[in-house]
Amino acid sequence: MVTPWRRIPLEAPTPLTEVARNGGAIWLSTTEEFQARYPDVPVVVDHQAHVAIGLVVEGRPAGALGISRARRPGRPGNALRTREQASYLAEVSAMLASTTDLQSVLEQLA
């Protein structure tokens, strides 16, 4: 699953390359939302949520961080789990936006 994504041309129309180019952030709540925005990107895994965050060093885009959560069909309590995951992604986004110390954020995430 990871192999096709090891090297992605910066010009490719994907969330990670978009934020790597502009240093922004993209939040996609559903696979349908992902497909609507990126119709040429194959959906390998059905995600409940997908976040791409541009990494900026000294005011210039320097890379990207992607976080996603695969959907688990047929599991009870899906609505509660979805809210919890959305809350987690919001917390991670706030941590990344509020610091320039990427190492400490990555340690907190781990």
PDB file of N, CA and C in Angstrom:
ATOM      1  N   MET A   1       0.819  -1.197   0.000  1.00  0.00           N
ATOM      2  CA  MET A   1       0.000   0.000   0.000  1.00  0.00           C
ATOM      3  C   MET A   1       0.861   1.258   0.000  1.00  0.00           C
ATOM      4  N   VAL A   2       2.007   1.235   0.655  1.00  0.00           N
ATOM      5  CA  VAL A   2       2.862   2.413   0.771  1.00  0.00           C
ATOM      6  C   VAL A   2       3.730   2.610  -0.469  1.00  0.00           C
ATOM      7  N   THR A   3       4.125   1.533  -1.117  1.00  0.00           N
ATOM      8  CA  THR A   3       5.079   1.603  -2.221  1.00  0.00           C
ATOM      9  C   THR A   3       4.748   2.651  -3.278  1.00  0.00           C
ATOM     10  N   PRO A   4       3.502   2.747  -3.778  1.00  0.00           N
ATOM     11  CA  PRO A   4       3.240   3.763  -4.809  1.00  0.00           C
ATOM     12  C   PRO A   4       3.433   5.196  -4.323  1.00  0.00           C
ATOM     13  N   TRP A   5       3.463   5.406  -3.011  1.00  0.00           N
ATOM     14  CA  TRP A   5       3.537   6.757  -2.459  1.00  0.00           C
ATOM     15  C   TRP A   5       4.924   7.119  -1.954  1.00  0.00           C
ATOM     16  N   ARG A   6       5.914   6.260  -2.152  1.00  0.00           N
ATOM     17  CA  ARG A   6       7.263   6.564  -1.666  1.00  0.00           C
ATOM     18  C   ARG A   6       7.866   7.775  -2.359  1.00  0.00           C
ATOM     19  N   ARG A   7       7.624   7.900  -3.649  1.00  0.00           N
ATOM     20  CA  ARG A   7       8.103   9.051  -4.409  1.00  0.00           C
ATOM     21  C   ARG A   7       6.930   9.602  -5.204  1.00  0.00           C
ATOM     22  N   ILE A   8       6.609  10.847  -4.944  1.00  0.00           N
ATOM     23  CA  ILE A   8       5.493  11.508  -5.623  1.00  0.00           C
ATOM     24  C   ILE A   8       6.036  12.777  -6.269  1.00  0.00           C
ATOM     25  N   PRO A   9       5.848  12.943  -7.571  1.00  0.00           N
ATOM     26  CA  PRO A   9       6.298  14.204  -8.187  1.00  0.00           C
ATOM     27  C   PRO A   9       5.596  15.392  -7.526  1.00  0.00           C
ATOM     28  N   LEU A  10       6.330  16.444  -7.274  1.00  0.00           N
ATOM     29  CA  LEU A  10       5.779  17.620  -6.598  1.00  0.00           C
ATOM     30  C   LEU A  10       4.611  18.222  -7.359  1.00  0.00           C
ATOM     31  N   GLU A  11       4.552  17.998  -8.657  1.00  0.00           N
ATOM     32  CA  GLU A  11       3.469  18.550  -9.476  1.00  0.00           C
ATOM     33  C   GLU A  11       2.199  17.699  -9.408  1.00  0.00           C
ATOM     34  N   ALA A  12       2.284  16.490  -8.846  1.00  0.00           N
ATOM     35  CA  ALA A  12       1.128  15.589  -8.800  1.00  0.00           C
ATOM     36  C   ALA A  12      -0.028  16.234  -8.032  1.00  0.00           C
ATOM     37  N   PRO A  13      -1.264  16.024  -8.505  1.00  0.00           N
ATOM     38  CA  PRO A  13      -2.434  16.621  -7.833  1.00  0.00           C
ATOM     39  C   PRO A  13      -2.881  15.767  -6.644  1.00  0.00           C
ATOM     40  N   THR A  14      -2.162  15.870  -5.531  1.00  0.00           N
ATOM     41  CA  THR A  14      -2.516  15.140  -4.305  1.00  0.00           C
ATOM     42  C   THR A  14      -2.526  16.113  -3.134  1.00  0.00           C
ATOM     43  N   PRO A  15      -3.177  15.756  -2.033  1.00  0.00           N
ATOM     44  CA  PRO A  15      -3.169  16.659  -0.873  1.00  0.00           C
ATOM     45  C   PRO A  15      -1.753  16.939  -0.367  1.00  0.00           C
ATOM     46  N   LEU A  16      -0.909  15.907  -0.272  1.00  0.00           N
ATOM     47  CA  LEU A  16       0.442  16.113   0.254  1.00  0.00           C
ATOM     48  C   LEU A  16       1.276  17.018  -0.638  1.00  0.00           C
ATOM     49  N   THR A  17       1.210  16.823  -1.935  1.00  0.00           N
ATOM     50  CA  THR A  17       2.007  17.679  -2.817  1.00  0.00           C
ATOM     51  C   THR A  17       1.466  19.103  -2.846  1.00  0.00           C
ATOM     52  N   GLU A  18       0.159  19.241  -2.742  1.00  0.00           N
ATOM     53  CA  GLU A  18      -0.431  20.588  -2.726  1.00  0.00           C
ATOM     54  C   GLU A  18       0.068  21.382  -1.519  1.00  0.00           C
ATOM     55  N   VAL A  19       0.031  20.771  -0.327  1.00  0.00           N
ATOM     56  CA  VAL A  19       0.481  21.504   0.865  1.00  0.00           C
ATOM     57  C   VAL A  19       2.004  21.614   0.918  1.00  0.00           C
ATOM     58  N   ALA A  20       2.713  20.667   0.289  1.00  0.00           N
ATOM     59  CA  ALA A  20       4.176  20.781   0.220  1.00  0.00           C
ATOM     60  C   ALA A  20       4.569  21.984  -0.636  1.00  0.00           C
ATOM     61  N   ARG A  21       3.766  22.268  -1.654  1.00  0.00           N
ATOM     62  CA  ARG A  21       4.055  23.411  -2.531  1.00  0.00           C
ATOM     63  C   ARG A  21       3.683  24.741  -1.878  1.00  0.00           C
ATOM     64  N   ASN A  22       2.553  24.772  -1.147  1.00  0.00           N
ATOM     65  CA  ASN A  22       2.066  26.069  -0.659  1.00  0.00           C
ATOM     66  C   ASN A  22       2.165  26.261   0.855  1.00  0.00           C
ATOM     67  N   GLY A  23       2.552  25.211   1.591  1.00  0.00           N
ATOM     68  CA  GLY A  23       2.697  25.348   3.039  1.00  0.00           C
ATOM     69  C   GLY A  23       1.392  25.412   3.798  1.00  0.00           C
ATOM     70  N   GLY A  24       0.276  25.145   3.143  1.00  0.00           N
ATOM     71  CA  GLY A  24      -1.038  25.220   3.794  1.00  0.00           C
ATOM     72  C   GLY A  24      -1.440  23.926   4.479  1.00  0.00           C
ATOM     73  N   ALA A  25      -2.733  23.752   4.633  1.00  0.00           N
ATOM     74  CA  ALA A  25      -3.286  22.550   5.256  1.00  0.00           C
ATOM     75  C   ALA A  25      -4.600  22.195   4.569  1.00  0.00           C
ATOM     76  N   ILE A  26      -4.877  20.907   4.495  1.00  0.00           N
ATOM     77  CA  ILE A  26      -6.107  20.415   3.874  1.00  0.00           C
ATOM     78  C   ILE A  26      -6.735  19.389   4.803  1.00  0.00           C
ATOM     79  N   TRP A  27      -8.030  19.557   5.077  1.00  0.00           N
ATOM     80  CA  TRP A  27      -8.788  18.610   5.882  1.00  0.00           C
ATOM     81  C   TRP A  27      -9.884  18.024   5.010  1.00  0.00           C
ATOM     82  N   LEU A  28      -9.903  16.712   4.860  1.00  0.00           N
ATOM     83  CA  LEU A  28     -10.934  16.037   4.079  1.00  0.00           C
ATOM     84  C   LEU A  28     -11.627  15.034   4.996  1.00  0.00           C
ATOM     85  N   SER A  29     -12.941  15.156   5.128  1.00  0.00           N
ATOM     86  CA  SER A  29     -13.682  14.369   6.108  1.00  0.00           C
ATOM     87  C   SER A  29     -14.111  12.996   5.629  1.00  0.00           C
ATOM     88  N   THR A  30     -14.207  12.808   4.323  1.00  0.00           N
ATOM     89  CA  THR A  30     -14.699  11.536   3.804  1.00  0.00           C
ATOM     90  C   THR A  30     -13.948  11.158   2.534  1.00  0.00           C
ATOM     91  N   THR A  31     -14.050   9.886   2.172  1.00  0.00           N
ATOM     92  CA  THR A  31     -13.477   9.436   0.912  1.00  0.00           C
ATOM     93  C   THR A  31     -14.145  10.149  -0.253  1.00  0.00           C
ATOM     94  N   GLU A  32     -15.444  10.392  -0.148  1.00  0.00           N
ATOM     95  CA  GLU A  32     -16.170  11.094  -1.213  1.00  0.00           C
ATOM     96  C   GLU A  32     -15.641  12.511  -1.406  1.00  0.00           C
ATOM     97  N   GLU A  33     -15.370  13.186  -0.310  1.00  0.00           N
ATOM     98  CA  GLU A  33     -14.812  14.535  -0.377  1.00  0.00           C
ATOM     99  C   GLU A  33     -13.411  14.495  -1.014  1.00  0.00           C
ATOM    100  N   PHE A  34     -12.624  13.490  -0.639  1.00  0.00           N
ATOM    101  CA  PHE A  34     -11.295  13.310  -1.216  1.00  0.00           C
ATOM    102  C   PHE A  34     -11.393  13.108  -2.725  1.00  0.00           C
ATOM    103  N   GLN A  35     -12.273  12.201  -3.158  1.00  0.00           N
ATOM    104  CA  GLN A  35     -12.419  11.898  -4.581  1.00  0.00           C
ATOM    105  C   GLN A  35     -12.941  13.092  -5.368  1.00  0.00           C
ATOM    106  N   ALA A  36     -13.812  13.891  -4.762  1.00  0.00           N
ATOM    107  CA  ALA A  36     -14.337  15.071  -5.449  1.00  0.00           C
ATOM    108  C   ALA A  36     -13.225  16.097  -5.699  1.00  0.00           C
ATOM    109  N   ARG A  37     -12.331  16.251  -4.737  1.00  0.00           N
ATOM    110  CA  ARG A  37     -11.257  17.239  -4.873  1.00  0.00           C
ATOM    111  C   ARG A  37     -10.075  16.714  -5.691  1.00  0.00           C
ATOM    112  N   TYR A  38      -9.825  15.385  -5.602  1.00  0.00           N
ATOM    113  CA  TYR A  38      -8.687  14.764  -6.289  1.00  0.00           C
ATOM    114  C   TYR A  38      -9.158  13.554  -7.092  1.00  0.00           C
ATOM    115  N   PRO A  39      -9.910  13.776  -8.171  1.00  0.00           N
ATOM    116  CA  PRO A  39     -10.505  12.657  -8.912  1.00  0.00           C
ATOM    117  C   PRO A  39      -9.494  11.744  -9.591  1.00  0.00           C
ATOM    118  N   ASP A  40      -8.281  12.222  -9.844  1.00  0.00           N
ATOM    119  CA  ASP A  40      -7.283  11.398 -10.533  1.00  0.00           C
ATOM    120  C   ASP A  40      -6.420  10.567  -9.576  1.00  0.00           C
ATOM    121  N   VAL A  41      -6.596  10.760  -8.275  1.00  0.00           N
ATOM    122  CA  VAL A  41      -5.797  10.017  -7.298  1.00  0.00           C
ATOM    123  C   VAL A  41      -6.556   8.746  -6.928  1.00  0.00           C
ATOM    124  N   PRO A  42      -5.946   7.574  -7.125  1.00  0.00           N
ATOM    125  CA  PRO A  42      -6.639   6.334  -6.772  1.00  0.00           C
ATOM    126  C   PRO A  42      -6.826   6.222  -5.262  1.00  0.00           C
ATOM    127  N   VAL A  43      -8.004   5.784  -4.849  1.00  0.00           N
ATOM    128  CA  VAL A  43      -8.285   5.581  -3.433  1.00  0.00           C
ATOM    129  C   VAL A  43      -7.910   4.146  -3.092  1.00  0.00           C
ATOM    130  N   VAL A  44      -6.822   3.993  -2.350  1.00  0.00           N
ATOM    131  CA  VAL A  44      -6.330   2.670  -2.000  1.00  0.00           C
ATOM    132  C   VAL A  44      -7.017   2.166  -0.732  1.00  0.00           C
ATOM    133  N   VAL A  45      -7.277   3.076   0.196  1.00  0.00           N
ATOM    134  CA  VAL A  45      -7.918   2.741   1.468  1.00  0.00           C
ATOM    135  C   VAL A  45      -9.048   3.729   1.706  1.00  0.00           C
ATOM    136  N   ASP A  46     -10.192   3.243   2.174  1.00  0.00           N
ATOM    137  CA  ASP A  46     -11.322   4.104   2.497  1.00  0.00           C
ATOM    138  C   ASP A  46     -11.046   4.771   3.847  1.00  0.00           C
ATOM    139  N   HIS A  47     -10.870   6.099   3.835  1.00  0.00           N
ATOM    140  CA  HIS A  47     -10.536   6.820   5.059  1.00  0.00           C
ATOM    141  C   HIS A  47     -11.750   7.506   5.671  1.00  0.00           C
ATOM    142  N   GLN A  48     -11.764   7.555   7.009  1.00  0.00           N
ATOM    143  CA  GLN A  48     -12.774   8.350   7.710  1.00  0.00           C
ATOM    144  C   GLN A  48     -12.384   9.816   7.677  1.00  0.00           C
ATOM    145  N   ALA A  49     -11.085  10.078   7.715  1.00  0.00           N
ATOM    146  CA  ALA A  49     -10.608  11.462   7.693  1.00  0.00           C
ATOM    147  C   ALA A  49      -9.192  11.467   7.142  1.00  0.00           C
ATOM    148  N   HIS A  50      -8.846  12.577   6.513  1.00  0.00           N
ATOM    149  CA  HIS A  50      -7.517  12.714   5.932  1.00  0.00           C
ATOM    150  C   HIS A  50      -7.074  14.163   6.127  1.00  0.00           C
ATOM    151  N   VAL A  51      -5.866  14.340   6.667  1.00  0.00           N
ATOM    152  CA  VAL A  51      -5.325  15.678   6.884  1.00  0.00           C
ATOM    153  C   VAL A  51      -3.949  15.747   6.239  1.00  0.00           C
ATOM    154  N   ALA A  52      -3.685  16.798   5.519  1.00  0.00           N
ATOM    155  CA  ALA A  52      -2.355  17.060   4.952  1.00  0.00           C
ATOM    156  C   ALA A  52      -1.930  18.434   5.437  1.00  0.00           C
ATOM    157  N   ILE A  53      -0.747  18.507   6.028  1.00  0.00           N
ATOM    158  CA  ILE A  53      -0.268  19.759   6.615  1.00  0.00           C
ATOM    159  C   ILE A  53       1.090  20.082   6.019  1.00  0.00           C
ATOM    160  N   GLY A  54       1.214  21.270   5.464  1.00  0.00           N
ATOM    161  CA  GLY A  54       2.484  21.701   4.899  1.00  0.00           C
ATOM    162  C   GLY A  54       3.463  22.061   5.993  1.00  0.00           C
ATOM    163  N   LEU A  55       4.701  21.644   5.828  1.00  0.00           N
ATOM    164  CA  LEU A  55       5.760  21.977   6.775  1.00  0.00           C
ATOM    165  C   LEU A  55       6.536  23.161   6.207  1.00  0.00           C
ATOM    166  N   VAL A  56       6.711  24.180   7.015  1.00  0.00           N
ATOM    167  CA  VAL A  56       7.338  25.423   6.575  1.00  0.00           C
ATOM    168  C   VAL A  56       8.577  25.671   7.433  1.00  0.00           C
ATOM    169  N   VAL A  57       9.690  25.948   6.784  1.00  0.00           N
ATOM    170  CA  VAL A  57      10.941  26.260   7.477  1.00  0.00           C
ATOM    171  C   VAL A  57      11.403  27.630   7.001  1.00  0.00           C
ATOM    172  N   GLU A  58      11.613  28.527   7.954  1.00  0.00           N
ATOM    173  CA  GLU A  58      12.040  29.890   7.652  1.00  0.00           C
ATOM    174  C   GLU A  58      11.158  30.548   6.597  1.00  0.00           C
ATOM    175  N   GLY A  59       9.845  30.325   6.728  1.00  0.00           N
ATOM    176  CA  GLY A  59       8.882  30.958   5.843  1.00  0.00           C
ATOM    177  C   GLY A  59       8.726  30.321   4.474  1.00  0.00           C
ATOM    178  N   ARG A  60       9.404  29.194   4.227  1.00  0.00           N
ATOM    179  CA  ARG A  60       9.326  28.544   2.910  1.00  0.00           C
ATOM    180  C   ARG A  60       8.816  27.115   3.065  1.00  0.00           C
ATOM    181  N   PRO A  61       7.955  26.656   2.156  1.00  0.00           N
ATOM    182  CA  PRO A  61       7.488  25.271   2.204  1.00  0.00           C
ATOM    183  C   PRO A  61       8.677  24.308   2.157  1.00  0.00           C
ATOM    184  N   ALA A  62       8.640  23.279   3.036  1.00  0.00           N
ATOM    185  CA  ALA A  62       9.773  22.359   3.126  1.00  0.00           C
ATOM    186  C   ALA A  62       9.359  20.894   3.128  1.00  0.00           C
ATOM    187  N   GLY A  63       8.085  20.608   3.020  1.00  0.00           N
ATOM    188  CA  GLY A  63       7.631  19.219   3.042  1.00  0.00           C
ATOM    189  C   GLY A  63       6.182  19.153   3.458  1.00  0.00           C
ATOM    190  N   ALA A  64       5.740  17.949   3.787  1.00  0.00           N
ATOM    191  CA  ALA A  64       4.343  17.762   4.168  1.00  0.00           C
ATOM    192  C   ALA A  64       4.200  16.591   5.121  1.00  0.00           C
ATOM    193  N   LEU A  65       3.163  16.660   5.926  1.00  0.00           N
ATOM    194  CA  LEU A  65       2.828  15.594   6.860  1.00  0.00           C
ATOM    195  C   LEU A  65       1.396  15.178   6.585  1.00  0.00           C
ATOM    196  N   GLY A  66       1.175  13.906   6.396  1.00  0.00           N
ATOM    197  CA  GLY A  66      -0.177  13.394   6.158  1.00  0.00           C
ATOM    198  C   GLY A  66      -0.611  12.495   7.293  1.00  0.00           C
ATOM    199  N   ILE A  67      -1.844  12.671   7.734  1.00  0.00           N
ATOM    200  CA  ILE A  67      -2.423  11.838   8.789  1.00  0.00           C
ATOM    201  C   ILE A  67      -3.794  11.398   8.300  1.00  0.00           C
ATOM    202  N   SER A  68      -4.050  10.110   8.386  1.00  0.00           N
ATOM    203  CA  SER A  68      -5.367   9.624   7.981  1.00  0.00           C
ATOM    204  C   SER A  68      -5.769   8.454   8.862  1.00  0.00           C
ATOM    205  N   ARG A  69      -7.044   8.167   8.830  1.00  0.00           N
ATOM    206  CA  ARG A  69      -7.596   7.072   9.633  1.00  0.00           C
ATOM    207  C   ARG A  69      -8.455   6.217   8.716  1.00  0.00           C
ATOM    208  N   ALA A  70      -8.104   4.934   8.603  1.00  0.00           N
ATOM    209  CA  ALA A  70      -8.870   4.023   7.755  1.00  0.00           C
ATOM    210  C   ALA A  70     -10.220   3.714   8.394  1.00  0.00           C
ATOM    211  N   ARG A  71     -11.229   3.634   7.552  1.00  0.00           N
ATOM    212  CA  ARG A  71     -12.579   3.298   8.016  1.00  0.00           C
ATOM    213  C   ARG A  71     -12.626   1.824   8.372  1.00  0.00           C
ATOM    214  N   ARG A  72     -13.353   1.503   9.415  1.00  0.00           N
ATOM    215  CA  ARG A  72     -13.566   0.115   9.811  1.00  0.00           C
ATOM    216  C   ARG A  72     -15.054  -0.183   9.698  1.00  0.00           C
ATOM    217  N   PRO A  73     -15.460  -0.729   8.562  1.00  0.00           N
ATOM    218  CA  PRO A  73     -16.896  -0.962   8.343  1.00  0.00           C
ATOM    219  C   PRO A  73     -17.476  -1.967   9.329  1.00  0.00           C
ATOM    220  N   GLY A  74     -18.747  -1.734   9.650  1.00  0.00           N
ATOM    221  CA  GLY A  74     -19.486  -2.691  10.463  1.00  0.00           C
ATOM    222  C   GLY A  74     -19.197  -2.653  11.948  1.00  0.00           C
ATOM    223  N   ARG A  75     -18.440  -1.695  12.420  1.00  0.00           N
ATOM    224  CA  ARG A  75     -18.127  -1.628  13.843  1.00  0.00           C
ATOM    225  C   ARG A  75     -19.149  -0.749  14.545  1.00  0.00           C
ATOM    226  N   PRO A  76     -19.630  -1.164  15.732  1.00  0.00           N
ATOM    227  CA  PRO A  76     -20.595  -0.337  16.466  1.00  0.00           C
ATOM    228  C   PRO A  76     -19.947   0.954  16.972  1.00  0.00           C
ATOM    229  N   GLY A  77     -20.765   1.965  17.185  1.00  0.00           N
ATOM    230  CA  GLY A  77     -20.273   3.224  17.732  1.00  0.00           C
ATOM    231  C   GLY A  77     -19.491   4.061  16.746  1.00  0.00           C
ATOM    232  N   ASN A  78     -19.746   3.889  15.466  1.00  0.00           N
ATOM    233  CA  ASN A  78     -18.984   4.589  14.445  1.00  0.00           C
ATOM    234  C   ASN A  78     -19.086   6.110  14.567  1.00  0.00           C
ATOM    235  N   ALA A  79     -20.263   6.639  14.892  1.00  0.00           N
ATOM    236  CA  ALA A  79     -20.439   8.091  14.999  1.00  0.00           C
ATOM    237  C   ALA A  79     -19.572   8.655  16.126  1.00  0.00           C
ATOM    238  N   LEU A  80     -19.552   7.978  17.272  1.00  0.00           N
ATOM    239  CA  LEU A  80     -18.732   8.425  18.393  1.00  0.00           C
ATOM    240  C   LEU A  80     -17.259   8.355  18.022  1.00  0.00           C
ATOM    241  N   ARG A  81     -16.842   7.282  17.410  1.00  0.00           N
ATOM    242  CA  ARG A  81     -15.448   7.115  17.008  1.00  0.00           C
ATOM    243  C   ARG A  81     -15.045   8.198  15.998  1.00  0.00           C
ATOM    244  N   THR A  82     -15.939   8.502  15.084  1.00  0.00           N
ATOM    245  CA  THR A  82     -15.653   9.541  14.090  1.00  0.00           C
ATOM    246  C   THR A  82     -15.451  10.885  14.770  1.00  0.00           C
ATOM    247  N   ARG A  83     -16.301  11.214  15.747  1.00  0.00           N
ATOM    248  CA  ARG A  83     -16.137  12.475  16.488  1.00  0.00           C
ATOM    249  C   ARG A  83     -14.817  12.497  17.246  1.00  0.00           C
ATOM    250  N   GLU A  84     -14.461  11.357  17.873  1.00  0.00           N
ATOM    251  CA  GLU A  84     -13.202  11.282  18.615  1.00  0.00           C
ATOM    252  C   GLU A  84     -12.014  11.474  17.681  1.00  0.00           C
ATOM    253  N   GLN A  85     -12.077  10.871  16.496  1.00  0.00           N
ATOM    254  CA  GLN A  85     -10.981  10.996  15.545  1.00  0.00           C
ATOM    255  C   GLN A  85     -10.890  12.416  15.005  1.00  0.00           C
ATOM    256  N   ALA A  86     -12.020  13.035  14.746  1.00  0.00           N
ATOM    257  CA  ALA A  86     -12.016  14.421  14.283  1.00  0.00           C
ATOM    258  C   ALA A  86     -11.409  15.326  15.355  1.00  0.00           C
ATOM    259  N   SER A  87     -11.742  15.052  16.607  1.00  0.00           N
ATOM    260  CA  SER A  87     -11.187  15.821  17.716  1.00  0.00           C
ATOM    261  C   SER A  87      -9.675  15.638  17.789  1.00  0.00           C
ATOM    262  N   TYR A  88      -9.213  14.395  17.613  1.00  0.00           N
ATOM    263  CA  TYR A  88      -7.780  14.113  17.628  1.00  0.00           C
ATOM    264  C   TYR A  88      -7.074  14.860  16.495  1.00  0.00           C
ATOM    265  N   LEU A  89      -7.638  14.799  15.287  1.00  0.00           N
ATOM    266  CA  LEU A  89      -7.023  15.486  14.158  1.00  0.00           C
ATOM    267  C   LEU A  89      -6.983  16.997  14.383  1.00  0.00           C
ATOM    268  N   ALA A  90      -8.028  17.551  15.005  1.00  0.00           N
ATOM    269  CA  ALA A  90      -8.039  18.981  15.313  1.00  0.00           C
ATOM    270  C   ALA A  90      -6.950  19.314  16.335  1.00  0.00           C
ATOM    271  N   GLU A  91      -6.776  18.439  17.331  1.00  0.00           N
ATOM    272  CA  GLU A  91      -5.742  18.649  18.340  1.00  0.00           C
ATOM    273  C   GLU A  91      -4.345  18.608  17.715  1.00  0.00           C
ATOM    274  N   VAL A  92      -4.118  17.628  16.839  1.00  0.00           N
ATOM    275  CA  VAL A  92      -2.827  17.516  16.149  1.00  0.00           C
ATOM    276  C   VAL A  92      -2.581  18.757  15.300  1.00  0.00           C
ATOM    277  N   SER A  93      -3.601  19.210  14.585  1.00  0.00           N
ATOM    278  CA  SER A  93      -3.470  20.398  13.744  1.00  0.00           C
ATOM    279  C   SER A  93      -3.105  21.615  14.579  1.00  0.00           C
ATOM    280  N   ALA A  94      -3.764  21.771  15.734  1.00  0.00           N
ATOM    281  CA  ALA A  94      -3.470  22.907  16.608  1.00  0.00           C
ATOM    282  C   ALA A  94      -2.040  22.837  17.126  1.00  0.00           C
ATOM    283  N   MET A  95      -1.579  21.627  17.494  1.00  0.00           N
ATOM    284  CA  MET A  95      -0.205  21.471  17.965  1.00  0.00           C
ATOM    285  C   MET A  95       0.784  21.879  16.882  1.00  0.00           C
ATOM    286  N   LEU A  96       0.537  21.422  15.656  1.00  0.00           N
ATOM    287  CA  LEU A  96       1.450  21.727  14.557  1.00  0.00           C
ATOM    288  C   LEU A  96       1.443  23.214  14.208  1.00  0.00           C
ATOM    289  N   ALA A  97       0.284  23.841  14.331  1.00  0.00           N
ATOM    290  CA  ALA A  97       0.170  25.255  13.981  1.00  0.00           C
ATOM    291  C   ALA A  97       0.768  26.170  15.045  1.00  0.00           C
ATOM    292  N   SER A  98       0.896  25.674  16.276  1.00  0.00           N
ATOM    293  CA  SER A  98       1.294  26.547  17.375  1.00  0.00           C
ATOM    294  C   SER A  98       2.774  26.478  17.725  1.00  0.00           C
ATOM    295  N   THR A  99       3.566  25.719  16.982  1.00  0.00           N
ATOM    296  CA  THR A  99       4.967  25.593  17.358  1.00  0.00           C
ATOM    297  C   THR A  99       5.864  25.595  16.137  1.00  0.00           C
ATOM    298  N   THR A 100       7.104  25.951  16.378  1.00  0.00           N
ATOM    299  CA  THR A 100       8.118  25.813  15.332  1.00  0.00           C
ATOM    300  C   THR A 100       9.043  24.647  15.649  1.00  0.00           C
ATOM    301  N   ASP A 101       8.808  23.986  16.792  1.00  0.00           N
ATOM    302  CA  ASP A 101       9.631  22.860  17.221  1.00  0.00           C
ATOM    303  C   ASP A 101       8.983  21.557  16.775  1.00  0.00           C
ATOM    304  N   LEU A 102       9.227  21.196  15.519  1.00  0.00           N
ATOM    305  CA  LEU A 102       8.612  20.001  14.945  1.00  0.00           C
ATOM    306  C   LEU A 102       9.002  18.743  15.709  1.00  0.00           C
ATOM    307  N   GLN A 103      10.232  18.665  16.208  1.00  0.00           N
ATOM    308  CA  GLN A 103      10.684  17.475  16.933  1.00  0.00           C
ATOM    309  C   GLN A 103       9.810  17.227  18.170  1.00  0.00           C
ATOM    310  N   SER A 104       9.500  18.273  18.933  1.00  0.00           N
ATOM    311  CA  SER A 104       8.683  18.075  20.144  1.00  0.00           C
ATOM    312  C   SER A 104       7.265  17.659  19.789  1.00  0.00           C
ATOM    313  N   VAL A 105       6.713  18.197  18.687  1.00  0.00           N
ATOM    314  CA  VAL A 105       5.381  17.800  18.247  1.00  0.00           C
ATOM    315  C   VAL A 105       5.376  16.333  17.853  1.00  0.00           C
ATOM    316  N   LEU A 106       6.373  15.906  17.091  1.00  0.00           N
ATOM    317  CA  LEU A 106       6.442  14.503  16.684  1.00  0.00           C
ATOM    318  C   LEU A 106       6.588  13.580  17.884  1.00  0.00           C
ATOM    319  N   GLU A 107       7.330  14.007  18.897  1.00  0.00           N
ATOM    320  CA  GLU A 107       7.467  13.211  20.129  1.00  0.00           C
ATOM    321  C   GLU A 107       6.113  13.110  20.837  1.00  0.00           C
ATOM    322  N   GLN A 108       5.360  14.205  20.894  1.00  0.00           N
ATOM    323  CA  GLN A 108       4.040  14.187  21.522  1.00  0.00           C
ATOM    324  C   GLN A 108       3.096  13.283  20.763  1.00  0.00           C
ATOM    325  N   LEU A 109       3.154  13.312  19.424  1.00  0.00           N
ATOM    326  CA  LEU A 109       2.295  12.468  18.609  1.00  0.00           C
ATOM    327  C   LEU A 109       2.605  10.982  18.834  1.00  0.00           C
ATOM    328  N   ALA A 110       3.892  10.666  18.951  1.00  0.00           N
ATOM    329  CA  ALA A 110       4.302   9.279  19.150  1.00  0.00           C
ATOM    330  C   ALA A 110       3.809   8.784  20.488  1.00  0.00           C
TER     331      ALA A 110
END
